[in-house]
Amino acid sequence: MGRLTGRRVPLRALTGRDEFVTACAALGTLDIVPTSPTSPGSEPSESAAPATPRTPASPRNSSGRRRGGLRSVLTPGWILTAVLVLTFTYFAFTFLAPWQLGKNRDKNEFNQRLEHALEVDPVPISDVIPADGASAGVDSEWTRVKLQGHFLPDKQVLLRNRPVNSSPAYQSLTPFALDSGGTVMVNRGWVPAGDGSSKPAVPAPPSKDITVTGFIRMNEPKPQTTPAKVNGFTQVTGMNTQQVGQATGTKLATDYVQLDKPSVDKVNELTPSPDKLNALELPHLDGGTNLSYGIQWIAFGILAPVGLGWFIFSEIRERRREKEEIAESQHSAARSADPQPITPGTTAPDTPAEDAPANDLSGTKTEDGSGAASNITASEKLANRYGGTRSRFEERRAQKKGQERF
């Protein structure tokens, strides 16, 4: 007796005793589609068309709509990432890069002033500092000046807690009376601090008239610590001319002068004490790394939104590719499961009963053989795309999450 090989047959298509017996014998592989009752001998209508197997639905979001194009990145994760990237870009261009470039500009201006001061001859200090002793301004800092007059030895003050070359040191701050009128504070140099308990080995300055040269320096903010008398010297913690003037009872100009090395050596020669002062080193004429840091912040500000755009483009392209693969797989499955209706009076070719389960489980062989070819093609494409067919666990997880990465 012939059997039905897994075809979906309308119930009303089985008429007559022989057909009914054939259907009962093949119940294990027969999928009966209920239809509306018809009179005996009537032809099957279009509504009794064989049903096709259900195929997995394409990924949908929680609202039931497919995500495609830009909608696939309109998720909280992508929106938060875009906000953070744009915020970083804004700060990179408006704060971080200008901050580093501004420091580089200030260093270049400082280097230019110092180079110019070293190349030209010193000018009289009265040409730089106003007659009332006001500040000459930042633009005049490191101007090389010449002083004519004499030191006030009994007004000497020591600056403590100011390391030199990463070593503790004392610096000598001595008022200098100008022949042209007025008094300025002069930093004569430094000596090592030693153990800190003994008296600093700072020589007294000469009291006779002398001509020295040095650099105009800006006044420092007034420190909170008050001057103290320690080991026979009045000591301060900052080079503030107002505080030093109050401690010595002398009216000083706002800016002070740092002696250059030739003048320090000259003063040491005029001092009978064996103790000698060391000249303070000039700053290094180096632009530093601020320019490179500023350029890096500009580059980061450009690359951040460009990278975000690239990731969004890759996400959209991946969504489209997955959508095309799912549509192609559904189309291939529909073609492979396309049934051929059985008309009354016809039976399937005779097949041994014991082979029925094997044919049933394969489900990939149709009469024209097109289904197997379509399934193999879809499998090969999935293998080329993912390196092998997806496992059932991966498919269920992707369907559950709607294949949304965020």
Protein backbone atom coordinates (compact mmCIF):
# COMPACT_ATOMS: atom_id res chain seq x y z
CA MET A 1 0.00 0.00 0.00
CA GLY A 2 1.29 3.49 -0.75
CA ARG A 3 1.73 6.09 2.02
CA LEU A 4 1.74 9.85 2.31
CA THR A 5 5.25 11.21 2.81
CA GLY A 6 4.74 14.10 5.16
CA ARG A 7 2.36 16.10 2.94
CA ARG A 8 -0.23 18.40 4.38
CA VAL A 9 -3.51 17.18 2.95
CA PRO A 10 -6.89 18.87 3.30
CA LEU A 11 -9.24 16.57 5.19
CA ARG A 12 -12.04 16.95 2.73
CA ALA A 13 -9.69 15.90 -0.08
CA LEU A 14 -9.87 12.31 1.27
CA THR A 15 -13.07 10.84 -0.08
CA GLY A 16 -14.00 7.22 -0.24
CA ARG A 17 -13.12 4.23 1.84
CA ASP A 18 -9.71 3.53 0.31
CA GLU A 19 -8.51 7.06 0.80
CA PHE A 20 -9.72 7.10 4.43
CA VAL A 21 -7.86 3.87 5.19
CA THR A 22 -4.74 5.24 3.55
CA ALA A 23 -4.91 8.36 5.70
CA CYS A 24 -5.37 6.37 8.90
CA ALA A 25 -2.35 4.22 8.05
CA ALA A 26 -0.16 7.28 7.61
CA LEU A 27 -1.25 9.32 10.61
CA GLY A 28 2.32 9.44 11.90
CA THR A 29 3.41 11.48 8.91
CA LEU A 30 0.16 13.10 7.93
CA ASP A 31 -0.65 16.67 8.85
CA ILE A 32 -4.39 17.14 8.41
CA VAL A 33 -5.60 20.65 7.73
CA PRO A 34 -9.19 21.19 8.84
CA THR A 35 -11.38 22.82 6.23
CA SER A 36 -14.98 23.80 5.97
CA PRO A 37 -17.29 20.92 5.13
CA THR A 38 -18.28 20.39 1.49
CA SER A 39 -20.60 18.11 -0.23
CA PRO A 40 -19.35 14.79 -1.58
CA GLY A 41 -17.75 15.04 -4.95
CA SER A 42 -17.10 18.79 -4.76
CA GLU A 43 -13.70 20.09 -5.72
CA PRO A 44 -11.38 21.58 -3.11
CA SER A 45 -11.57 25.36 -3.00
CA GLU A 46 -8.69 27.79 -2.79
CA SER A 47 -9.29 28.15 0.97
CA ALA A 48 -8.24 24.52 1.40
CA ALA A 49 -4.76 25.24 0.11
CA PRO A 50 -2.04 23.36 1.98
CA ALA A 51 -0.43 25.24 4.86
CA THR A 52 3.27 25.91 4.86
CA PRO A 53 5.56 25.32 7.83
CA ARG A 54 6.01 28.24 10.23
CA THR A 55 9.40 29.89 9.96
CA PRO A 56 11.12 31.88 12.68
CA ALA A 57 10.13 35.49 12.72
CA SER A 58 12.68 38.19 12.12
CA PRO A 59 13.98 40.04 15.17
CA ARG A 60 11.63 42.67 16.54
CA ASN A 61 11.89 45.16 19.32
CA SER A 62 9.67 45.34 22.37
CA SER A 63 7.03 47.33 20.47
CA GLY A 64 6.71 44.66 17.82
CA ARG A 65 8.38 46.64 15.04
CA ARG A 66 11.54 45.73 13.25
CA ARG A 67 14.49 48.03 13.89
CA GLY A 68 16.22 49.14 10.73
CA GLY A 69 18.49 51.95 9.59
CA LEU A 70 19.00 54.75 12.07
CA ARG A 71 16.28 53.36 14.33
CA SER A 72 18.60 50.50 15.28
CA VAL A 73 20.92 52.95 17.09
CA LEU A 74 18.17 55.04 18.73
CA THR A 75 18.55 53.11 21.97
CA PRO A 76 19.48 54.38 25.46
CA GLY A 77 22.98 52.94 25.21
CA TRP A 78 23.79 54.60 21.89
CA ILE A 79 22.20 57.90 22.94
CA LEU A 80 24.22 58.00 26.19
CA THR A 81 27.41 57.20 24.26
CA ALA A 82 26.73 60.01 21.79
CA VAL A 83 26.10 62.50 24.61
CA LEU A 84 29.35 61.57 26.36
CA VAL A 85 31.36 61.79 23.12
CA LEU A 86 29.92 65.18 22.20
CA THR A 87 30.50 66.49 25.75
CA PHE A 88 34.13 65.37 25.63
CA THR A 89 34.57 67.00 22.21
CA TYR A 90 33.14 70.26 23.51
CA PHE A 91 35.51 70.38 26.50
CA ALA A 92 38.48 69.31 24.35
CA PHE A 93 38.00 72.28 22.01
CA THR A 94 36.85 74.91 24.53
CA PHE A 95 38.95 74.14 27.63
CA LEU A 96 41.61 71.41 27.40
CA ALA A 97 43.29 72.40 24.13
CA PRO A 98 43.20 76.21 24.81
CA TRP A 99 44.57 75.57 28.31
CA GLN A 100 47.67 73.76 27.03
CA LEU A 101 48.15 76.07 24.05
CA GLY A 102 47.87 79.10 26.35
CA LYS A 103 50.59 77.73 28.63
CA ASN A 104 52.78 77.13 25.59
CA ARG A 105 52.22 80.72 24.44
CA ASP A 106 53.16 82.09 27.88
CA LYS A 107 56.34 80.02 27.93
CA ASN A 108 57.33 81.22 24.48
CA GLU A 109 56.81 84.85 25.50
CA PHE A 110 58.88 84.27 28.64
CA ASN A 111 61.68 82.66 26.63
CA GLN A 112 61.68 85.56 24.19
CA ARG A 113 61.94 88.13 26.99
CA LEU A 114 64.78 86.24 28.66
CA GLU A 115 66.67 85.77 25.40
CA HIS A 116 66.31 89.46 24.62
CA ALA A 117 67.50 90.42 28.12
CA LEU A 118 70.63 88.28 27.72
CA GLU A 119 71.44 89.73 24.29
CA VAL A 120 71.21 93.44 25.13
CA ASP A 121 73.17 95.58 27.56
CA PRO A 122 71.62 96.34 30.98
CA VAL A 123 69.66 99.58 31.30
CA PRO A 124 69.45 101.85 34.37
CA ILE A 125 66.81 100.64 36.76
CA SER A 126 65.26 104.10 36.83
CA ASP A 127 64.30 103.56 33.16
CA VAL A 128 62.25 100.46 34.10
CA ILE A 129 60.83 101.01 37.58
CA PRO A 130 58.57 104.10 38.02
CA ALA A 131 59.74 106.84 40.37
CA ASP A 132 56.96 106.07 42.84
CA GLY A 133 58.18 102.47 43.17
CA ALA A 134 55.14 100.90 41.46
CA SER A 135 55.43 97.66 39.55
CA ALA A 136 56.95 97.75 36.09
CA GLY A 137 54.50 95.12 34.82
CA VAL A 138 54.84 91.53 33.69
CA ASP A 139 56.10 92.57 30.26
CA SER A 140 59.18 94.10 31.91
CA GLU A 141 60.04 90.99 33.95
CA TRP A 142 63.53 89.62 33.30
CA THR A 143 64.67 92.96 31.93
CA ARG A 144 68.36 93.31 32.67
CA VAL A 145 69.05 96.45 34.74
CA LYS A 146 72.01 98.24 36.30
CA LEU A 147 71.99 99.47 39.92
CA GLN A 148 74.32 102.12 41.39
CA GLY A 149 74.33 102.65 45.16
CA HIS A 150 75.08 100.61 48.26
CA PHE A 151 73.64 97.73 50.31
CA LEU A 152 72.12 98.15 53.77
CA PRO A 153 73.89 95.32 55.70
CA ASP A 154 71.85 95.68 58.90
CA LYS A 155 68.59 95.22 56.94
CA GLN A 156 69.42 91.78 55.53
CA VAL A 157 66.61 89.17 55.65
CA LEU A 158 66.82 85.43 54.88
CA LEU A 159 64.33 83.52 52.78
CA ARG A 160 63.85 80.02 54.18
CA ASN A 161 61.98 76.92 52.95
CA ARG A 162 62.83 77.72 49.34
CA PRO A 163 64.77 74.76 47.84
CA VAL A 164 67.41 75.31 45.15
CA ASN A 165 68.16 72.36 42.84
CA SER A 166 65.92 70.20 45.07
CA SER A 167 68.09 70.96 48.14
CA PRO A 168 67.18 73.09 51.22
CA ALA A 169 68.69 76.55 51.02
CA TYR A 170 68.69 80.06 52.45
CA GLN A 171 68.50 83.05 50.11
CA SER A 172 69.78 86.52 51.05
CA LEU A 173 67.31 89.39 50.57
CA THR A 174 69.07 92.72 51.11
CA PRO A 175 67.72 96.28 50.60
CA PHE A 176 69.82 98.38 48.14
CA ALA A 177 69.75 102.18 48.32
CA LEU A 178 69.95 103.71 44.83
CA ASP A 179 71.97 106.84 44.11
CA SER A 180 69.04 108.07 42.04
CA GLY A 181 66.70 107.76 45.02
CA GLY A 182 64.57 104.96 46.33
CA THR A 183 65.36 101.53 47.69
CA VAL A 184 64.88 98.15 46.07
CA MET A 185 65.15 94.65 47.46
CA VAL A 186 67.97 92.59 45.95
CA ASN A 187 68.26 88.79 45.99
CA ARG A 188 72.04 88.33 46.37
CA GLY A 189 72.10 84.51 46.03
CA TRP A 190 71.81 81.39 48.19
CA VAL A 191 73.70 79.09 50.56
CA PRO A 192 72.95 75.49 51.62
CA ALA A 193 70.74 75.19 54.67
CA GLY A 194 72.87 72.52 56.38
CA ASP A 195 71.21 70.68 59.26
CA GLY A 196 68.86 73.59 59.96
CA SER A 197 69.85 73.94 63.65
CA SER A 198 73.08 75.86 63.17
CA LYS A 199 73.45 79.48 62.14
CA PRO A 200 73.27 79.91 58.33
CA ALA A 201 76.62 80.69 56.75
CA VAL A 202 75.43 83.85 54.99
CA PRO A 203 78.06 86.58 54.60
CA ALA A 204 77.16 90.20 55.22
CA PRO A 205 77.08 92.41 52.12
CA PRO A 206 79.63 95.19 51.57
CA SER A 207 78.55 98.63 52.74
CA LYS A 208 80.49 100.81 50.26
CA ASP A 209 79.18 102.05 46.91
CA ILE A 210 78.96 99.45 44.18
CA THR A 211 77.51 98.95 40.74
CA VAL A 212 75.74 95.63 40.12
CA THR A 213 73.48 94.18 37.43
CA GLY A 214 70.54 91.83 37.61
CA PHE A 215 67.04 91.01 36.38
CA ILE A 216 63.73 92.63 37.27
CA ARG A 217 61.47 90.13 39.02
CA MET A 218 57.78 90.40 39.94
CA ASN A 219 56.70 90.63 43.54
CA GLU A 220 55.31 87.47 45.14
CA PRO A 221 52.02 87.29 47.09
CA LYS A 222 52.27 88.08 50.78
CA PRO A 223 52.64 84.83 52.77
CA GLN A 224 50.49 83.98 55.76
CA THR A 225 53.51 83.26 57.95
CA THR A 226 54.88 86.28 59.76
CA PRO A 227 58.63 87.05 59.86
CA ALA A 228 60.57 85.41 62.70
CA LYS A 229 63.95 86.04 64.33
CA VAL A 230 65.92 82.77 64.19
CA ASN A 231 69.69 82.28 64.73
CA GLY A 232 70.37 85.99 64.56
CA PHE A 233 68.55 86.56 61.22
CA THR A 234 65.08 87.79 60.37
CA GLN A 235 63.59 85.03 58.27
CA VAL A 236 60.59 85.08 55.93
CA THR A 237 58.88 82.47 53.77
CA GLY A 238 58.15 84.56 50.66
CA MET A 239 59.76 87.25 48.50
CA ASN A 240 57.16 89.90 49.20
CA THR A 241 58.64 93.41 49.27
CA GLN A 242 55.84 94.76 51.46
CA GLN A 243 56.46 92.18 54.19
CA VAL A 244 60.23 92.58 54.01
CA GLY A 245 59.85 96.38 54.16
CA GLN A 246 57.68 96.10 57.27
CA ALA A 247 60.16 93.70 58.90
CA THR A 248 63.14 96.01 58.21
CA GLY A 249 61.40 99.36 58.52
CA THR A 250 62.29 100.29 54.93
CA LYS A 251 60.12 101.52 52.10
CA LEU A 252 60.86 99.28 49.14
CA ALA A 253 59.83 99.35 45.49
CA THR A 254 57.19 96.84 44.49
CA ASP A 255 59.43 94.75 42.24
CA TYR A 256 62.80 93.32 43.28
CA VAL A 257 66.09 92.51 41.51
CA GLN A 258 67.82 89.14 41.18
CA LEU A 259 71.59 89.53 40.76
CA ASP A 260 73.23 87.81 37.82
CA LYS A 261 76.29 85.58 38.24
CA PRO A 262 78.97 88.22 37.44
CA SER A 263 77.52 90.56 40.09
CA VAL A 264 77.30 87.77 42.70
CA ASP A 265 80.97 86.96 42.12
CA LYS A 266 81.82 90.66 42.36
CA VAL A 267 80.04 91.01 45.71
CA ASN A 268 81.75 87.88 47.05
CA GLU A 269 85.16 89.39 46.21
CA LEU A 270 84.31 92.52 48.20
CA THR A 271 83.22 90.48 51.22
CA PRO A 272 86.00 89.57 53.72
CA SER A 273 84.04 86.59 55.07
CA PRO A 274 85.10 83.11 53.89
CA ASP A 275 81.47 82.24 53.32
CA LYS A 276 80.34 82.83 49.76
CA LEU A 277 76.96 83.08 48.07
CA ASN A 278 75.90 81.15 44.98
CA ALA A 279 74.09 82.78 42.08
CA LEU A 280 70.60 81.56 41.22
CA GLU A 281 70.38 79.77 37.92
CA LEU A 282 68.29 81.20 35.12
CA PRO A 283 65.26 79.24 33.87
CA HIS A 284 65.82 76.86 31.00
CA LEU A 285 64.74 78.16 27.61
CA ASP A 286 62.55 75.19 26.81
CA GLY A 287 59.06 75.28 25.34
CA GLY A 288 58.07 72.14 27.23
CA THR A 289 55.40 69.67 26.19
CA ASN A 290 52.38 71.98 26.32
CA LEU A 291 52.23 72.39 22.54
CA SER A 292 52.15 68.63 21.94
CA TYR A 293 49.50 68.22 24.66
CA GLY A 294 47.35 70.90 23.04
CA ILE A 295 47.62 69.21 19.63
CA GLN A 296 46.71 65.88 21.22
CA TRP A 297 43.54 67.33 22.77
CA ILE A 298 42.55 68.75 19.37
CA ALA A 299 43.16 65.35 17.75
CA PHE A 300 41.12 63.60 20.43
CA GLY A 301 38.29 66.09 19.94
CA ILE A 302 38.23 65.28 16.21
CA LEU A 303 38.68 61.52 16.47
CA ALA A 304 35.98 61.01 19.12
CA PRO A 305 32.96 62.00 16.94
CA VAL A 306 34.55 60.41 13.86
CA GLY A 307 34.89 57.13 15.75
CA LEU A 308 31.31 57.39 16.97
CA GLY A 309 30.11 57.89 13.40
CA TRP A 310 32.08 54.88 12.23
CA PHE A 311 30.58 52.64 14.93
CA ILE A 312 27.07 53.85 14.08
CA PHE A 313 27.67 53.12 10.40
CA SER A 314 28.99 49.64 11.22
CA GLU A 315 25.98 48.94 13.43
CA ILE A 316 23.51 49.98 10.71
CA ARG A 317 25.36 47.94 8.10
CA GLU A 318 25.34 44.89 10.39
CA ARG A 319 21.60 45.24 11.00
CA ARG A 320 20.91 45.41 7.29
CA ARG A 321 23.08 42.39 6.60
CA GLU A 322 21.34 40.34 9.29
CA LYS A 323 17.95 41.41 7.98
CA GLU A 324 18.88 40.32 4.44
CA GLU A 325 20.18 36.96 5.68
CA ILE A 326 17.03 36.32 7.71
CA ALA A 327 14.82 37.21 4.75
CA GLU A 328 16.82 34.93 2.47
CA SER A 329 16.63 32.07 4.98
CA GLN A 330 12.86 32.49 5.27
CA HIS A 331 12.50 32.53 1.51
CA SER A 332 14.60 29.38 1.16
CA ALA A 333 12.62 27.60 3.89
CA ALA A 334 9.33 28.56 2.23
CA ARG A 335 10.46 27.18 -1.11
CA SER A 336 11.72 23.93 0.40
CA ALA A 337 8.43 23.33 2.28
CA ASP A 338 6.13 24.19 -0.64
CA PRO A 339 3.60 21.24 -0.64
CA GLN A 340 1.92 19.56 -3.57
CA PRO A 341 -1.81 18.98 -2.92
CA ILE A 342 -3.13 15.42 -3.18
CA THR A 343 -6.22 15.08 -5.29
CA PRO A 344 -8.81 12.36 -4.71
CA GLY A 345 -7.97 9.03 -6.28
CA THR A 346 -4.17 9.51 -6.16
CA THR A 347 -1.70 8.01 -3.72
CA ALA A 348 1.94 8.51 -2.98
CA PRO A 349 4.45 6.06 -4.43
CA ASP A 350 4.96 2.84 -2.51
CA THR A 351 7.63 3.20 0.16
CA PRO A 352 8.60 0.74 2.89
CA ALA A 353 6.94 1.65 6.21
CA GLU A 354 10.16 1.38 8.16
CA ASP A 355 11.72 4.16 6.07
CA ALA A 356 9.00 6.66 6.97
CA PRO A 357 10.60 8.15 10.13
CA ALA A 358 13.90 8.68 8.38
CA ASN A 359 12.22 10.55 5.53
CA ASP A 360 10.14 12.42 8.04
CA LEU A 361 13.13 13.63 10.10
CA SER A 362 15.05 14.84 7.13
CA GLY A 363 12.29 17.14 5.93
CA THR A 364 14.65 18.47 3.27
CA LYS A 365 13.68 16.32 0.30
CA THR A 366 10.87 17.28 -2.00
CA GLU A 367 9.75 15.63 -5.19
CA ASP A 368 11.67 18.01 -7.38
CA GLY A 369 14.70 18.15 -5.00
CA SER A 370 14.72 21.96 -4.90
CA GLY A 371 14.25 22.17 -1.11
CA ALA A 372 17.52 20.41 -0.26
CA ALA A 373 19.46 22.65 -2.58
CA SER A 374 17.88 25.74 -1.04
CA ASN A 375 18.61 24.57 2.53
CA ILE A 376 22.21 23.75 1.68
CA THR A 377 22.66 27.18 0.14
CA ALA A 378 21.31 28.94 3.24
CA SER A 379 23.52 26.81 5.52
CA GLU A 380 26.58 27.58 3.47
CA LYS A 381 25.85 31.28 3.61
CA LEU A 382 25.36 31.19 7.38
CA ALA A 383 28.60 29.23 7.72
CA ASN A 384 30.49 31.75 5.61
CA ARG A 385 29.02 34.59 7.63
CA TYR A 386 29.39 33.28 11.20
CA GLY A 387 31.96 30.51 10.77
CA GLY A 388 29.29 27.82 11.21
CA THR A 389 25.57 27.51 11.81
CA ARG A 390 24.22 29.10 14.93
CA SER A 391 23.37 26.91 17.85
CA ARG A 392 19.82 26.71 19.12
CA PHE A 393 20.86 28.54 22.30
CA GLU A 394 22.28 31.46 20.32
CA GLU A 395 19.16 31.71 18.19
CA ARG A 396 16.86 31.74 21.22
CA ARG A 397 19.01 34.36 22.95
CA ALA A 398 19.08 36.57 19.85
CA GLN A 399 15.30 36.31 19.45
CA LYS A 400 14.75 37.06 23.14
CA LYS A 401 16.87 40.22 23.10
CA GLY A 402 15.63 41.29 19.71
CA GLN A 403 19.21 41.23 18.47
CA GLU A 404 19.78 44.63 20.05
CA ARG A 405 23.30 45.32 21.17
CA PHE A 406 22.28 48.15 23.49
